Amino acid sequence: MTHKLRATVWAASLVWMGSVRPALGCSTCYGNAEGPMIDAARLGTFLLLGVVLCVQIAFAVFFLYLRRRAARLSRNAGGLQWSGGGPGPHGEWRNA
């Protein structure tokens, strides 16, 4: 790119970014805080927050379940020890 072309592109981009035009938006964008669109946006936000909260609660409950299960298994297996780790003399697996 030549120096003259590069300078022209920079000048055109600065003029384009510096020009002020009115924003073309809906009434909600201009600050109308009442109406069906705002109510729907609020309802959607609360619905998504509810879904996220339910997933986080389910995650916590799952780990509490795993904690209780591990404690119960460690209580039940108090005197038991693992057997040799292989099949018995006749090919069967031994259960502890």
N, C-alpha and C. Protein backbone atom coordinates (compact mmCIF):
# COMPACT_ATOMS: atom_id res chain seq x y z
N MET A 1 0.84 -1.16 0.00
CA MET A 1 0.00 0.00 0.00
C MET A 1 0.90 1.24 0.00
N THR A 2 0.58 2.14 -0.83
CA THR A 2 1.41 3.34 -0.89
C THR A 2 1.09 4.28 0.26
N HIS A 3 2.00 5.20 0.48
CA HIS A 3 1.85 6.13 1.59
C HIS A 3 0.61 7.01 1.43
N LYS A 4 0.34 7.45 0.18
CA LYS A 4 -0.80 8.31 -0.08
C LYS A 4 -2.11 7.56 0.14
N LEU A 5 -2.18 6.30 -0.29
CA LEU A 5 -3.39 5.50 -0.12
C LEU A 5 -3.63 5.20 1.36
N ARG A 6 -2.56 4.91 2.08
CA ARG A 6 -2.67 4.63 3.50
C ARG A 6 -3.18 5.87 4.26
N ALA A 7 -2.68 7.02 3.93
CA ALA A 7 -3.13 8.26 4.57
C ALA A 7 -4.58 8.55 4.24
N THR A 8 -5.01 8.26 3.02
CA THR A 8 -6.40 8.47 2.63
C THR A 8 -7.33 7.54 3.40
N VAL A 9 -6.93 6.28 3.55
CA VAL A 9 -7.73 5.31 4.30
C VAL A 9 -7.85 5.75 5.76
N TRP A 10 -6.73 6.20 6.36
CA TRP A 10 -6.78 6.66 7.75
C TRP A 10 -7.67 7.88 7.89
N ALA A 11 -7.56 8.82 6.99
CA ALA A 11 -8.38 10.03 7.06
C ALA A 11 -9.86 9.70 6.90
N ALA A 12 -10.18 8.82 5.97
CA ALA A 12 -11.57 8.44 5.75
C ALA A 12 -12.14 7.71 6.97
N SER A 13 -11.34 6.84 7.57
CA SER A 13 -11.84 6.11 8.74
C SER A 13 -12.03 7.04 9.93
N LEU A 14 -11.15 8.03 10.11
CA LEU A 14 -11.32 8.98 11.21
C LEU A 14 -12.55 9.85 11.01
N VAL A 15 -12.80 10.28 9.77
CA VAL A 15 -13.99 11.07 9.48
C VAL A 15 -15.24 10.23 9.72
N TRP A 16 -15.21 8.98 9.28
CA TRP A 16 -16.37 8.09 9.44
C TRP A 16 -16.66 7.83 10.92
N MET A 17 -15.62 7.56 11.74
CA MET A 17 -15.82 7.30 13.16
C MET A 17 -16.17 8.57 13.92
N GLY A 18 -15.74 9.71 13.45
CA GLY A 18 -16.00 10.95 14.15
C GLY A 18 -17.34 11.57 13.82
N SER A 19 -17.99 11.12 12.77
CA SER A 19 -19.28 11.71 12.40
C SER A 19 -20.34 11.26 13.40
N VAL A 20 -21.17 12.18 13.79
CA VAL A 20 -22.20 11.90 14.78
C VAL A 20 -23.52 11.73 14.05
N ARG A 21 -24.13 10.59 14.26
CA ARG A 21 -25.44 10.32 13.68
C ARG A 21 -26.38 9.88 14.79
N PRO A 22 -27.64 10.11 14.66
CA PRO A 22 -28.58 9.64 15.70
C PRO A 22 -28.66 8.11 15.66
N ALA A 23 -28.77 7.55 16.85
CA ALA A 23 -28.88 6.09 16.93
C ALA A 23 -30.27 5.66 16.50
N LEU A 24 -30.33 4.61 15.74
CA LEU A 24 -31.61 4.08 15.30
C LEU A 24 -31.98 2.93 16.21
N GLY A 25 -32.75 3.23 17.24
CA GLY A 25 -33.11 2.21 18.21
C GLY A 25 -34.58 2.28 18.55
N CYS A 26 -35.02 1.30 19.29
CA CYS A 26 -36.42 1.26 19.70
C CYS A 26 -36.64 2.16 20.91
N SER A 27 -37.87 2.24 21.36
CA SER A 27 -38.19 3.12 22.48
C SER A 27 -37.54 2.63 23.77
N THR A 28 -37.27 1.33 23.89
CA THR A 28 -36.60 0.81 25.08
C THR A 28 -35.16 1.33 25.14
N CYS A 29 -34.52 1.43 24.00
CA CYS A 29 -33.15 1.93 23.96
C CYS A 29 -33.09 3.40 24.35
N TYR A 30 -34.14 4.13 24.12
CA TYR A 30 -34.17 5.55 24.44
C TYR A 30 -34.59 5.82 25.87
N GLY A 31 -34.89 4.80 26.67
CA GLY A 31 -35.16 5.01 28.08
C GLY A 31 -36.58 4.81 28.51
N ASN A 32 -37.44 4.26 27.67
CA ASN A 32 -38.81 3.97 28.08
C ASN A 32 -38.77 2.73 28.96
N ALA A 33 -38.84 2.91 30.28
CA ALA A 33 -38.66 1.81 31.21
C ALA A 33 -39.96 1.08 31.54
N GLU A 34 -40.99 1.32 30.82
CA GLU A 34 -42.26 0.63 31.03
C GLU A 34 -42.74 0.08 29.70
N GLY A 35 -43.39 -1.02 29.75
CA GLY A 35 -43.92 -1.58 28.53
C GLY A 35 -43.72 -3.08 28.49
N PRO A 36 -44.31 -3.73 27.51
CA PRO A 36 -44.23 -5.19 27.44
C PRO A 36 -42.82 -5.72 27.15
N MET A 37 -42.02 -4.97 26.41
CA MET A 37 -40.67 -5.45 26.12
C MET A 37 -39.80 -5.49 27.37
N ILE A 38 -39.91 -4.47 28.19
CA ILE A 38 -39.13 -4.43 29.44
C ILE A 38 -39.62 -5.51 30.38
N ASP A 39 -40.93 -5.72 30.45
CA ASP A 39 -41.47 -6.77 31.32
C ASP A 39 -40.99 -8.15 30.88
N ALA A 40 -40.97 -8.38 29.57
CA ALA A 40 -40.49 -9.67 29.06
C ALA A 40 -39.00 -9.85 29.33
N ALA A 41 -38.22 -8.79 29.20
CA ALA A 41 -36.79 -8.88 29.48
C ALA A 41 -36.54 -9.18 30.96
N ARG A 42 -37.29 -8.55 31.84
CA ARG A 42 -37.16 -8.84 33.27
C ARG A 42 -37.55 -10.28 33.58
N LEU A 43 -38.66 -10.73 33.00
CA LEU A 43 -39.10 -12.11 33.24
C LEU A 43 -38.06 -13.11 32.72
N GLY A 44 -37.49 -12.84 31.56
CA GLY A 44 -36.46 -13.73 31.02
C GLY A 44 -35.23 -13.77 31.90
N THR A 45 -34.85 -12.61 32.45
CA THR A 45 -33.70 -12.56 33.35
C THR A 45 -33.95 -13.38 34.60
N PHE A 46 -35.12 -13.23 35.19
CA PHE A 46 -35.45 -13.99 36.40
C PHE A 46 -35.54 -15.49 36.11
N LEU A 47 -36.05 -15.84 34.94
CA LEU A 47 -36.13 -17.25 34.56
C LEU A 47 -34.74 -17.86 34.43
N LEU A 48 -33.82 -17.15 33.78
CA LEU A 48 -32.46 -17.66 33.63
C LEU A 48 -31.74 -17.74 34.97
N LEU A 49 -31.97 -16.76 35.85
CA LEU A 49 -31.38 -16.83 37.18
C LEU A 49 -31.92 -18.03 37.95
N GLY A 50 -33.20 -18.33 37.78
CA GLY A 50 -33.80 -19.50 38.43
C GLY A 50 -33.18 -20.80 37.93
N VAL A 51 -32.94 -20.89 36.64
CA VAL A 51 -32.33 -22.10 36.08
C VAL A 51 -30.92 -22.28 36.62
N VAL A 52 -30.14 -21.20 36.65
CA VAL A 52 -28.78 -21.27 37.16
C VAL A 52 -28.78 -21.67 38.64
N LEU A 53 -29.69 -21.10 39.41
CA LEU A 53 -29.79 -21.43 40.83
C LEU A 53 -30.15 -22.91 41.03
N CYS A 54 -31.07 -23.43 40.24
CA CYS A 54 -31.44 -24.86 40.35
C CYS A 54 -30.25 -25.77 40.02
N VAL A 55 -29.49 -25.43 39.01
CA VAL A 55 -28.33 -26.24 38.65
C VAL A 55 -27.28 -26.20 39.76
N GLN A 56 -27.05 -25.05 40.36
CA GLN A 56 -26.07 -24.96 41.44
C GLN A 56 -26.54 -25.73 42.67
N ILE A 57 -27.82 -25.68 42.98
CA ILE A 57 -28.34 -26.45 44.12
C ILE A 57 -28.21 -27.94 43.86
N ALA A 58 -28.53 -28.38 42.64
CA ALA A 58 -28.39 -29.79 42.30
C ALA A 58 -26.94 -30.25 42.40
N PHE A 59 -26.01 -29.41 42.00
CA PHE A 59 -24.59 -29.72 42.10
C PHE A 59 -24.18 -29.90 43.56
N ALA A 60 -24.62 -29.00 44.42
CA ALA A 60 -24.29 -29.09 45.85
C ALA A 60 -24.92 -30.32 46.48
N VAL A 61 -26.17 -30.63 46.14
CA VAL A 61 -26.85 -31.80 46.68
C VAL A 61 -26.14 -33.08 46.24
N PHE A 62 -25.67 -33.12 45.01
CA PHE A 62 -24.95 -34.30 44.52
C PHE A 62 -23.68 -34.54 45.33
N PHE A 63 -22.92 -33.48 45.62
CA PHE A 63 -21.71 -33.67 46.41
C PHE A 63 -22.01 -34.02 47.86
N LEU A 64 -23.10 -33.51 48.40
CA LEU A 64 -23.50 -33.92 49.75
C LEU A 64 -23.89 -35.40 49.77
N TYR A 65 -24.57 -35.85 48.71
CA TYR A 65 -24.91 -37.27 48.59
C TYR A 65 -23.64 -38.13 48.53
N LEU A 66 -22.66 -37.71 47.74
CA LEU A 66 -21.41 -38.47 47.66
C LEU A 66 -20.69 -38.49 49.01
N ARG A 67 -20.74 -37.39 49.74
CA ARG A 67 -20.09 -37.33 51.05
C ARG A 67 -20.76 -38.29 52.03
N ARG A 68 -22.11 -38.28 52.05
CA ARG A 68 -22.83 -39.21 52.95
C ARG A 68 -22.59 -40.66 52.56
N ARG A 69 -22.56 -40.92 51.27
CA ARG A 69 -22.35 -42.30 50.81
C ARG A 69 -20.95 -42.79 51.18
N ALA A 70 -19.95 -41.94 51.04
CA ALA A 70 -18.58 -42.32 51.41
C ALA A 70 -18.48 -42.58 52.90
N ALA A 71 -19.15 -41.75 53.72
CA ALA A 71 -19.13 -41.96 55.16
C ALA A 71 -19.83 -43.26 55.53
N ARG A 72 -20.95 -43.55 54.88
CA ARG A 72 -21.68 -44.79 55.17
C ARG A 72 -20.85 -46.01 54.76
N LEU A 73 -20.20 -45.96 53.61
CA LEU A 73 -19.39 -47.08 53.17
C LEU A 73 -18.18 -47.29 54.07
N SER A 74 -17.59 -46.21 54.57
CA SER A 74 -16.45 -46.37 55.46
C SER A 74 -16.89 -46.92 56.82
N ARG A 75 -18.10 -46.59 57.27
CA ARG A 75 -18.62 -47.17 58.51
C ARG A 75 -18.92 -48.65 58.34
N ASN A 76 -19.52 -49.03 57.22
CA ASN A 76 -19.91 -50.42 56.98
C ASN A 76 -18.70 -51.31 56.73
N ALA A 77 -17.65 -50.78 56.20
CA ALA A 77 -16.47 -51.58 55.87
C ALA A 77 -15.41 -51.46 56.96
N GLY A 78 -15.82 -51.24 58.20
CA GLY A 78 -14.89 -51.01 59.30
C GLY A 78 -13.86 -52.11 59.48
N GLY A 79 -14.28 -53.38 59.64
CA GLY A 79 -13.33 -54.47 59.90
C GLY A 79 -12.93 -55.23 58.65
N LEU A 80 -13.53 -54.90 57.53
CA LEU A 80 -13.24 -55.66 56.32
C LEU A 80 -11.97 -55.15 55.66
N GLN A 81 -11.24 -56.06 55.10
CA GLN A 81 -10.04 -55.71 54.35
C GLN A 81 -10.15 -56.33 52.98
N TRP A 82 -9.41 -55.76 52.06
CA TRP A 82 -9.43 -56.29 50.72
C TRP A 82 -8.72 -57.64 50.68
N SER A 83 -9.25 -58.55 49.90
CA SER A 83 -8.61 -59.86 49.75
C SER A 83 -7.41 -59.74 48.82
N GLY A 84 -6.83 -60.83 48.46
CA GLY A 84 -5.60 -60.88 47.70
C GLY A 84 -5.59 -60.12 46.40
N GLY A 85 -6.70 -59.79 45.83
CA GLY A 85 -6.73 -59.01 44.61
C GLY A 85 -6.79 -59.86 43.36
N GLY A 86 -6.97 -61.10 43.46
CA GLY A 86 -7.04 -61.95 42.28
C GLY A 86 -8.04 -63.09 42.51
N PRO A 87 -8.19 -63.94 41.53
CA PRO A 87 -9.12 -65.07 41.70
C PRO A 87 -8.57 -66.09 42.69
N GLY A 88 -9.49 -66.83 43.28
CA GLY A 88 -9.11 -67.86 44.24
C GLY A 88 -8.47 -69.06 43.55
N PRO A 89 -8.22 -70.11 44.31
CA PRO A 89 -7.53 -71.28 43.73
C PRO A 89 -8.35 -71.99 42.66
N HIS A 90 -9.67 -71.82 42.70
CA HIS A 90 -10.50 -72.50 41.71
C HIS A 90 -11.01 -71.54 40.63
N GLY A 91 -10.42 -70.35 40.53
CA GLY A 91 -10.78 -69.40 39.47
C GLY A 91 -11.88 -68.44 39.83
N GLU A 92 -12.47 -68.56 41.01
CA GLU A 92 -13.56 -67.65 41.36
C GLU A 92 -12.99 -66.41 42.10
N TRP A 93 -13.70 -65.34 42.00
CA TRP A 93 -13.30 -64.10 42.67
C TRP A 93 -13.89 -64.12 44.06
N ARG A 94 -13.10 -63.71 45.02
CA ARG A 94 -13.56 -63.66 46.40
C ARG A 94 -14.11 -62.27 46.70
N ASN A 95 -15.23 -62.25 47.41
CA ASN A 95 -15.81 -60.96 47.84
C ASN A 95 -15.43 -60.73 49.28
N ALA A 96 -15.17 -59.49 49.60
CA ALA A 96 -14.81 -59.14 50.97
C ALA A 96 -16.04 -59.07 51.83
